[in-house]
């Protein structure tokens, strides 16, 4: 169920176009590109196009009884954590950062982008297997900095299997065990965070966990808790 292409603009955009055009893209189908010329990340950022990296998208068809759509970012994060763990000598160096990044030794290793297409959710994932971008506002890392870069196709198969298993758990057991498992591999409680909200405002505080819907809880300096539903979260 993994389709590879040598080059495309964006794997997310391709799947969205197919779904909106009436094509049934089955759940479990992945579109993986060797190169993206118009890849994008959260908040309109350009998605880094590094040769040898993983750049791919898949689709989840939501049913009315499924958990909240935005919780799929946590599902994808856990699947990434599982797929990556065997490629690092010390998995404790991996950390999930809300809402949808995975860090290695405090640096960004991969990210997730969720986009709606009718009742479906397209999940785009980028992983720095072979090369990492040089970003002005955050540290990045690639698995190749720790040893030989994983084979992209083998990694794709491992990630697809991990996401299938996480989706089964998501549907069978709901959000409570998902959130508890995410917190085990996630940002430690009390970690200083800086949040750039969609309206341009900036907040500083400390990580105080996730609520029952997977929303970030930020403890401000005065002790109050602010629920963060969206935004760019950075380790302070």
C-alpha atoms as a PDB file:
ATOM      1  CA  UNK A   1       0.000   0.000   0.000  1.00  0.00           C
ATOM      2  CA  UNK A   2       3.047   2.285  -0.259  1.00  0.00           C
ATOM      3  CA  UNK A   3       3.212   4.175  -3.548  1.00  0.00           C
ATOM      4  CA  UNK A   4       6.467   5.985  -4.311  1.00  0.00           C
ATOM      5  CA  UNK A   5       7.040   8.787  -6.806  1.00  0.00           C
ATOM      6  CA  UNK A   6      10.307  10.368  -7.882  1.00  0.00           C
ATOM      7  CA  UNK A   7       9.020  13.928  -7.577  1.00  0.00           C
ATOM      8  CA  UNK A   8       5.837  15.795  -6.757  1.00  0.00           C
ATOM      9  CA  UNK A   9       4.804  19.155  -5.413  1.00  0.00           C
ATOM     10  CA  UNK A  10       3.365  17.899  -2.126  1.00  0.00           C
ATOM     11  CA  UNK A  11       2.219  14.428  -1.109  1.00  0.00           C
ATOM     12  CA  UNK A  12      -0.464  15.986   1.118  1.00  0.00           C
ATOM     13  CA  UNK A  13      -1.757  18.146  -1.729  1.00  0.00           C
ATOM     14  CA  UNK A  14      -1.788  15.153  -4.079  1.00  0.00           C
ATOM     15  CA  UNK A  15      -3.923  13.029  -1.747  1.00  0.00           C
ATOM     16  CA  UNK A  16      -6.268  15.920  -0.977  1.00  0.00           C
ATOM     17  CA  UNK A  17      -6.728  16.554  -4.704  1.00  0.00           C
ATOM     18  CA  UNK A  18      -7.514  12.884  -5.325  1.00  0.00           C
ATOM     19  CA  UNK A  19     -10.028  12.711  -2.465  1.00  0.00           C
ATOM     20  CA  UNK A  20     -11.759  15.980  -3.428  1.00  0.00           C
ATOM     21  CA  UNK A  21     -11.860  14.781  -7.026  1.00  0.00           C
ATOM     22  CA  UNK A  22     -13.875  11.717  -6.038  1.00  0.00           C
ATOM     23  CA  UNK A  23     -11.055   9.164  -5.965  1.00  0.00           C
ATOM     24  CA  UNK A  24     -11.345   6.738  -3.051  1.00  0.00           C
ATOM     25  CA  UNK A  25      -7.951   6.604  -1.394  1.00  0.00           C
ATOM     26  CA  UNK A  26      -8.167   3.652   1.007  1.00  0.00           C
ATOM     27  CA  UNK A  27      -6.984   3.940   4.551  1.00  0.00           C
ATOM     28  CA  UNK A  28      -3.517   2.450   4.808  1.00  0.00           C
ATOM     29  CA  UNK A  29      -2.441   3.811   1.423  1.00  0.00           C
ATOM     30  CA  UNK A  30       0.735   5.926   1.546  1.00  0.00           C
ATOM     31  CA  UNK A  31       2.162   8.285  -1.046  1.00  0.00           C
ATOM     32  CA  UNK A  32       5.921   8.722  -0.543  1.00  0.00           C
ATOM     33  CA  UNK A  33       8.105  11.056  -2.602  1.00  0.00           C
ATOM     34  CA  UNK A  34      11.830  11.044  -3.284  1.00  0.00           C
ATOM     35  CA  UNK A  35      11.557  14.786  -3.728  1.00  0.00           C
ATOM     36  CA  UNK A  36       8.921  17.435  -3.006  1.00  0.00           C
ATOM     37  CA  UNK A  37       9.071  20.777  -4.800  1.00  0.00           C
ATOM     38  CA  UNK A  38       6.259  22.451  -2.829  1.00  0.00           C
ATOM     39  CA  UNK A  39       6.179  20.591   0.472  1.00  0.00           C
ATOM     40  CA  UNK A  40       4.783  22.462   3.425  1.00  0.00           C
ATOM     41  CA  UNK A  41       4.653  22.195   7.169  1.00  0.00           C
ATOM     42  CA  UNK A  42       2.496  23.715   9.875  1.00  0.00           C
ATOM     43  CA  UNK A  43       1.504  27.395   9.640  1.00  0.00           C
ATOM     44  CA  UNK A  44       2.519  27.574   5.992  1.00  0.00           C
ATOM     45  CA  UNK A  45       6.198  26.779   6.458  1.00  0.00           C
ATOM     46  CA  UNK A  46       8.171  25.217   3.645  1.00  0.00           C
ATOM     47  CA  UNK A  47       8.728  21.498   4.221  1.00  0.00           C
ATOM     48  CA  UNK A  48      12.443  20.724   3.940  1.00  0.00           C
ATOM     49  CA  UNK A  49      13.290  18.615   0.890  1.00  0.00           C
ATOM     50  CA  UNK A  50      16.360  16.602   1.857  1.00  0.00           C
ATOM     51  CA  UNK A  51      17.517  13.761  -0.368  1.00  0.00           C
ATOM     52  CA  UNK A  52      17.231  10.432   1.452  1.00  0.00           C
ATOM     53  CA  UNK A  53      14.699  11.734   3.957  1.00  0.00           C
ATOM     54  CA  UNK A  54      11.185  10.373   4.457  1.00  0.00           C
ATOM     55  CA  UNK A  55       8.438  12.550   2.961  1.00  0.00           C
ATOM     56  CA  UNK A  56       5.048  10.894   2.809  1.00  0.00           C
ATOM     57  CA  UNK A  57       1.319  11.171   3.428  1.00  0.00           C
ATOM     58  CA  UNK A  58      -1.553   8.858   4.228  1.00  0.00           C
ATOM     59  CA  UNK A  59      -5.280   9.206   4.850  1.00  0.00           C
ATOM     60  CA  UNK A  60      -7.617   8.394   7.741  1.00  0.00           C
ATOM     61  CA  UNK A  61     -11.341   8.092   7.011  1.00  0.00           C
ATOM     62  CA  UNK A  62     -13.128   9.200  10.148  1.00  0.00           C
ATOM     63  CA  UNK A  63     -16.370   7.617  11.290  1.00  0.00           C
ATOM     64  CA  UNK A  64     -18.882   9.441  13.539  1.00  0.00           C
ATOM     65  CA  UNK A  65     -17.898   7.318  16.543  1.00  0.00           C
ATOM     66  CA  UNK A  66     -14.149   7.967  16.147  1.00  0.00           C
ATOM     67  CA  UNK A  67     -12.290  10.169  18.646  1.00  0.00           C
ATOM     68  CA  UNK A  68     -11.640  13.846  17.882  1.00  0.00           C
ATOM     69  CA  UNK A  69      -9.847  14.483  14.594  1.00  0.00           C
ATOM     70  CA  UNK A  70      -7.108  16.672  16.088  1.00  0.00           C
ATOM     71  CA  UNK A  71      -6.021  13.768  18.321  1.00  0.00           C
ATOM     72  CA  UNK A  72      -4.615  12.122  15.195  1.00  0.00           C
ATOM     73  CA  UNK A  73      -1.520  14.281  15.692  1.00  0.00           C
ATOM     74  CA  UNK A  74      -0.903  12.366  18.939  1.00  0.00           C
ATOM     75  CA  UNK A  75      -1.572   9.073  17.131  1.00  0.00           C
ATOM     76  CA  UNK A  76       0.971   9.958  14.448  1.00  0.00           C
ATOM     77  CA  UNK A  77       3.487  11.045  17.080  1.00  0.00           C
ATOM     78  CA  UNK A  78       3.275   7.707  18.877  1.00  0.00           C
ATOM     79  CA  UNK A  79       3.647   5.814  15.598  1.00  0.00           C
ATOM     80  CA  UNK A  80       6.747   7.857  14.766  1.00  0.00           C
ATOM     81  CA  UNK A  81       8.170   7.260  18.238  1.00  0.00           C
ATOM     82  CA  UNK A  82       7.789   3.494  17.750  1.00  0.00           C
ATOM     83  CA  UNK A  83       9.266   3.512  14.227  1.00  0.00           C
ATOM     84  CA  UNK A  84      12.241   5.621  15.332  1.00  0.00           C
ATOM     85  CA  UNK A  85      13.080   3.842  18.587  1.00  0.00           C
ATOM     86  CA  UNK A  86      14.998   1.028  16.897  1.00  0.00           C
ATOM     87  CA  UNK A  87      17.227   3.522  15.074  1.00  0.00           C
ATOM     88  CA  UNK A  88      18.643   5.289  18.126  1.00  0.00           C
ATOM     89  CA  UNK A  89      20.965   3.740  20.675  1.00  0.00           C
ATOM     90  CA  UNK A  90      19.169   5.471  23.553  1.00  0.00           C
ATOM     91  CA  UNK A  91      15.417   5.803  22.908  1.00  0.00           C
ATOM     92  CA  UNK A  92      15.124   7.984  26.005  1.00  0.00           C
ATOM     93  CA  UNK A  93      16.650  10.725  23.857  1.00  0.00           C
ATOM     94  CA  UNK A  94      13.444  10.792  21.809  1.00  0.00           C
ATOM     95  CA  UNK A  95      10.728  13.169  23.006  1.00  0.00           C
ATOM     96  CA  UNK A  96       7.254  13.950  21.702  1.00  0.00           C
ATOM     97  CA  UNK A  97       6.542  17.692  21.588  1.00  0.00           C
ATOM     98  CA  UNK A  98       2.950  18.880  21.356  1.00  0.00           C
ATOM     99  CA  UNK A  99       1.197  18.969  19.037  1.00  0.00           C
ATOM    100  CA  UNK A 100       3.076  16.967  16.434  1.00  0.00           C
ATOM    101  CA  UNK A 101       6.876  17.023  16.540  1.00  0.00           C
ATOM    102  CA  UNK A 102       9.396  14.417  17.594  1.00  0.00           C
ATOM    103  CA  UNK A 103      12.669  15.673  19.069  1.00  0.00           C
ATOM    104  CA  UNK A 104      15.953  13.832  19.427  1.00  0.00           C
ATOM    105  CA  UNK A 105      18.365  15.161  22.030  1.00  0.00           C
ATOM    106  CA  UNK A 106      16.253  18.324  22.119  1.00  0.00           C
ATOM    107  CA  UNK A 107      16.482  18.972  18.361  1.00  0.00           C
ATOM    108  CA  UNK A 108      13.686  18.571  15.821  1.00  0.00           C
ATOM    109  CA  UNK A 109      13.876  15.235  14.017  1.00  0.00           C
ATOM    110  CA  UNK A 110      10.463  15.090  12.363  1.00  0.00           C
ATOM    111  CA  UNK A 111       7.089  16.741  12.108  1.00  0.00           C
ATOM    112  CA  UNK A 112       3.476  16.045  11.216  1.00  0.00           C
ATOM    113  CA  UNK A 113       0.902  18.068   9.263  1.00  0.00           C
ATOM    114  CA  UNK A 114      -2.832  17.265   9.457  1.00  0.00           C
ATOM    115  CA  UNK A 115      -5.206  18.569   6.784  1.00  0.00           C
ATOM    116  CA  UNK A 116      -8.921  17.929   6.308  1.00  0.00           C
ATOM    117  CA  UNK A 117     -10.404  16.679   3.044  1.00  0.00           C
ATOM    118  CA  UNK A 118     -14.133  16.307   3.667  1.00  0.00           C
ATOM    119  CA  UNK A 119     -14.592  13.608   6.300  1.00  0.00           C
ATOM    120  CA  UNK A 120     -11.048  12.383   5.758  1.00  0.00           C
ATOM    121  CA  UNK A 121      -7.854  13.576   7.416  1.00  0.00           C
ATOM    122  CA  UNK A 122      -4.622  13.550   5.429  1.00  0.00           C
ATOM    123  CA  UNK A 123      -1.536  13.037   7.591  1.00  0.00           C
ATOM    124  CA  UNK A 124       1.749  14.290   6.175  1.00  0.00           C
ATOM    125  CA  UNK A 125       4.993  13.243   7.843  1.00  0.00           C
ATOM    126  CA  UNK A 126       8.563  14.343   7.284  1.00  0.00           C
ATOM    127  CA  UNK A 127      11.540  12.664   8.968  1.00  0.00           C
ATOM    128  CA  UNK A 128      15.183  13.747   8.780  1.00  0.00           C
ATOM    129  CA  UNK A 129      16.734  10.396   8.001  1.00  0.00           C
ATOM    130  CA  UNK A 130      19.730  11.584   5.990  1.00  0.00           C
ATOM    131  CA  UNK A 131      19.848  15.381   6.309  1.00  0.00           C
ATOM    132  CA  UNK A 132      18.435  18.147   8.495  1.00  0.00           C
ATOM    133  CA  UNK A 133      17.580  21.721   7.511  1.00  0.00           C
ATOM    134  CA  UNK A 134      19.423  24.704   8.934  1.00  0.00           C
ATOM    135  CA  UNK A 135      16.660  26.698  10.627  1.00  0.00           C
ATOM    136  CA  UNK A 136      17.097  30.100  12.289  1.00  0.00           C
ATOM    137  CA  UNK A 137      14.663  29.518  15.144  1.00  0.00           C
ATOM    138  CA  UNK A 138      15.278  25.922  16.242  1.00  0.00           C
ATOM    139  CA  UNK A 139      17.879  23.211  16.377  1.00  0.00           C
ATOM    140  CA  UNK A 140      17.457  20.272  14.008  1.00  0.00           C
ATOM    141  CA  UNK A 141      19.001  16.833  13.720  1.00  0.00           C
ATOM    142  CA  UNK A 142      19.080  13.866  11.312  1.00  0.00           C
ATOM    143  CA  UNK A 143      19.491  10.198  12.166  1.00  0.00           C
ATOM    144  CA  UNK A 144      22.579  10.163   9.931  1.00  0.00           C
ATOM    145  CA  UNK A 145      24.336  12.265  12.580  1.00  0.00           C
ATOM    146  CA  UNK A 146      24.190   9.252  14.899  1.00  0.00           C
ATOM    147  CA  UNK A 147      25.105   6.544  12.399  1.00  0.00           C
ATOM    148  CA  UNK A 148      24.188   5.270   8.940  1.00  0.00           C
ATOM    149  CA  UNK A 149      20.924   6.762   7.679  1.00  0.00           C
ATOM    150  CA  UNK A 150      18.067   4.217   7.684  1.00  0.00           C
ATOM    151  CA  UNK A 151      16.849   2.943   4.338  1.00  0.00           C
ATOM    152  CA  UNK A 152      13.909   5.145   3.381  1.00  0.00           C
ATOM    153  CA  UNK A 153      11.712   2.344   2.072  1.00  0.00           C
ATOM    154  CA  UNK A 154      12.290   0.098   5.088  1.00  0.00           C
ATOM    155  CA  UNK A 155      11.515   3.029   7.379  1.00  0.00           C
ATOM    156  CA  UNK A 156       8.324   3.751   5.411  1.00  0.00           C
ATOM    157  CA  UNK A 157       7.136   0.163   5.901  1.00  0.00           C
ATOM    158  CA  UNK A 158       7.875   0.289   9.638  1.00  0.00           C
ATOM    159  CA  UNK A 159       6.048   3.599  10.030  1.00  0.00           C
ATOM    160  CA  UNK A 160       3.021   2.386   8.065  1.00  0.00           C
ATOM    161  CA  UNK A 161       2.754  -0.674  10.313  1.00  0.00           C
ATOM    162  CA  UNK A 162       3.138   1.401  13.476  1.00  0.00           C
ATOM    163  CA  UNK A 163       0.434   3.856  12.385  1.00  0.00           C
ATOM    164  CA  UNK A 164      -1.968   1.002  11.575  1.00  0.00           C
ATOM    165  CA  UNK A 165      -1.520  -0.342  15.107  1.00  0.00           C
ATOM    166  CA  UNK A 166      -1.971   3.085  16.703  1.00  0.00           C
ATOM    167  CA  UNK A 167      -5.161   3.719  14.717  1.00  0.00           C
ATOM    168  CA  UNK A 168      -6.583   0.413  15.921  1.00  0.00           C
ATOM    169  CA  UNK A 169      -5.906   1.415  19.533  1.00  0.00           C
ATOM    170  CA  UNK A 170      -7.285   4.929  18.946  1.00  0.00           C
ATOM    171  CA  UNK A 171     -10.565   3.509  17.702  1.00  0.00           C
ATOM    172  CA  UNK A 172     -10.815   0.653  20.188  1.00  0.00           C
ATOM    173  CA  UNK A 173      -9.842   2.423  23.412  1.00  0.00           C
ATOM    174  CA  UNK A 174     -10.313   6.153  22.851  1.00  0.00           C
ATOM    175  CA  UNK A 175      -8.229   9.078  24.008  1.00  0.00           C
ATOM    176  CA  UNK A 176      -7.490   8.303  27.649  1.00  0.00           C
ATOM    177  CA  UNK A 177      -4.883   5.546  27.121  1.00  0.00           C
ATOM    178  CA  UNK A 178      -3.551   7.390  24.059  1.00  0.00           C
ATOM    179  CA  UNK A 179      -2.869  10.519  26.100  1.00  0.00           C
ATOM    180  CA  UNK A 180      -1.332   8.559  28.985  1.00  0.00           C
ATOM    181  CA  UNK A 181       1.037   6.788  26.587  1.00  0.00           C
ATOM    182  CA  UNK A 182       1.885  10.054  24.832  1.00  0.00           C
ATOM    183  CA  UNK A 183       2.786  11.666  28.153  1.00  0.00           C
ATOM    184  CA  UNK A 184       5.271   8.857  28.921  1.00  0.00           C
ATOM    185  CA  UNK A 185       7.294   9.814  25.852  1.00  0.00           C
ATOM    186  CA  UNK A 186       6.333  13.471  25.848  1.00  0.00           C
ATOM    187  CA  UNK A 187       7.616  16.725  27.270  1.00  0.00           C
ATOM    188  CA  UNK A 188       8.308  16.332  31.001  1.00  0.00           C
ATOM    189  CA  UNK A 189       5.889  18.193  33.252  1.00  0.00           C
ATOM    190  CA  UNK A 190       7.344  21.527  34.337  1.00  0.00           C
ATOM    191  CA  UNK A 191       9.365  22.042  31.146  1.00  0.00           C
ATOM    192  CA  UNK A 192       9.584  25.734  30.208  1.00  0.00           C
ATOM    193  CA  UNK A 193       7.705  26.481  26.970  1.00  0.00           C
ATOM    194  CA  UNK A 194       7.163  29.438  24.691  1.00  0.00           C
ATOM    195  CA  UNK A 195       3.927  29.483  22.686  1.00  0.00           C
ATOM    196  CA  UNK A 196       3.334  31.608  19.594  1.00  0.00           C
ATOM    197  CA  UNK A 197      -0.442  31.614  19.160  1.00  0.00           C
ATOM    198  CA  UNK A 198      -2.174  31.908  15.752  1.00  0.00           C
ATOM    199  CA  UNK A 199      -3.206  35.528  16.509  1.00  0.00           C
ATOM    200  CA  UNK A 200       0.452  36.531  16.901  1.00  0.00           C
ATOM    201  CA  UNK A 201       0.482  36.715  20.686  1.00  0.00           C
ATOM    202  CA  UNK A 202       3.208  35.010  22.685  1.00  0.00           C
ATOM    203  CA  UNK A 203       2.933  33.186  25.990  1.00  0.00           C
ATOM    204  CA  UNK A 204       5.525  31.722  28.298  1.00  0.00           C
ATOM    205  CA  UNK A 205       4.932  29.115  30.936  1.00  0.00           C
ATOM    206  CA  UNK A 206       5.546  25.521  31.915  1.00  0.00           C
ATOM    207  CA  UNK A 207       4.124  22.301  30.561  1.00  0.00           C
ATOM    208  CA  UNK A 208       1.293  21.084  32.801  1.00  0.00           C
ATOM    209  CA  UNK A 209       0.153  18.059  30.809  1.00  0.00           C
ATOM    210  CA  UNK A 210      -2.733  17.475  28.407  1.00  0.00           C
ATOM    211  CA  UNK A 211      -6.434  17.572  29.150  1.00  0.00           C
ATOM    212  CA  UNK A 212      -8.918  14.799  28.318  1.00  0.00           C
ATOM    213  CA  UNK A 213      -9.130  16.000  24.694  1.00  0.00           C
ATOM    214  CA  UNK A 214      -5.366  16.235  24.187  1.00  0.00           C
ATOM    215  CA  UNK A 215      -5.172  20.012  24.567  1.00  0.00           C
ATOM    216  CA  UNK A 216      -1.920  21.442  25.901  1.00  0.00           C
ATOM    217  CA  UNK A 217      -2.087  22.804  29.441  1.00  0.00           C
ATOM    218  CA  UNK A 218       0.311  25.722  30.022  1.00  0.00           C
ATOM    219  CA  UNK A 219       0.964  26.882  33.593  1.00  0.00           C
ATOM    220  CA  UNK A 220       1.603  30.629  33.562  1.00  0.00           C
ATOM    221  CA  UNK A 221       3.871  32.466  35.996  1.00  0.00           C
ATOM    222  CA  UNK A 222       0.895  33.424  38.184  1.00  0.00           C
ATOM    223  CA  UNK A 223      -0.061  29.756  38.563  1.00  0.00           C
ATOM    224  CA  UNK A 224      -3.106  29.830  36.323  1.00  0.00           C
ATOM    225  CA  UNK A 225      -3.548  27.208  33.604  1.00  0.00           C
ATOM    226  CA  UNK A 226      -4.097  28.272  30.005  1.00  0.00           C
ATOM    227  CA  UNK A 227      -5.463  25.767  27.503  1.00  0.00           C
ATOM    228  CA  UNK A 228      -3.546  25.924  24.212  1.00  0.00           C
ATOM    229  CA  UNK A 229      -5.590  24.599  21.314  1.00  0.00           C
ATOM    230  CA  UNK A 230      -3.235  25.662  18.513  1.00  0.00           C
ATOM    231  CA  UNK A 231       0.078  27.419  18.134  1.00  0.00           C
ATOM    232  CA  UNK A 232       3.787  27.048  17.636  1.00  0.00           C
ATOM    233  CA  UNK A 233       5.246  25.539  20.809  1.00  0.00           C
ATOM    234  CA  UNK A 234       8.977  25.847  21.485  1.00  0.00           C
ATOM    235  CA  UNK A 235      11.131  24.653  24.338  1.00  0.00           C
ATOM    236  CA  UNK A 236      12.154  27.827  26.154  1.00  0.00           C
END
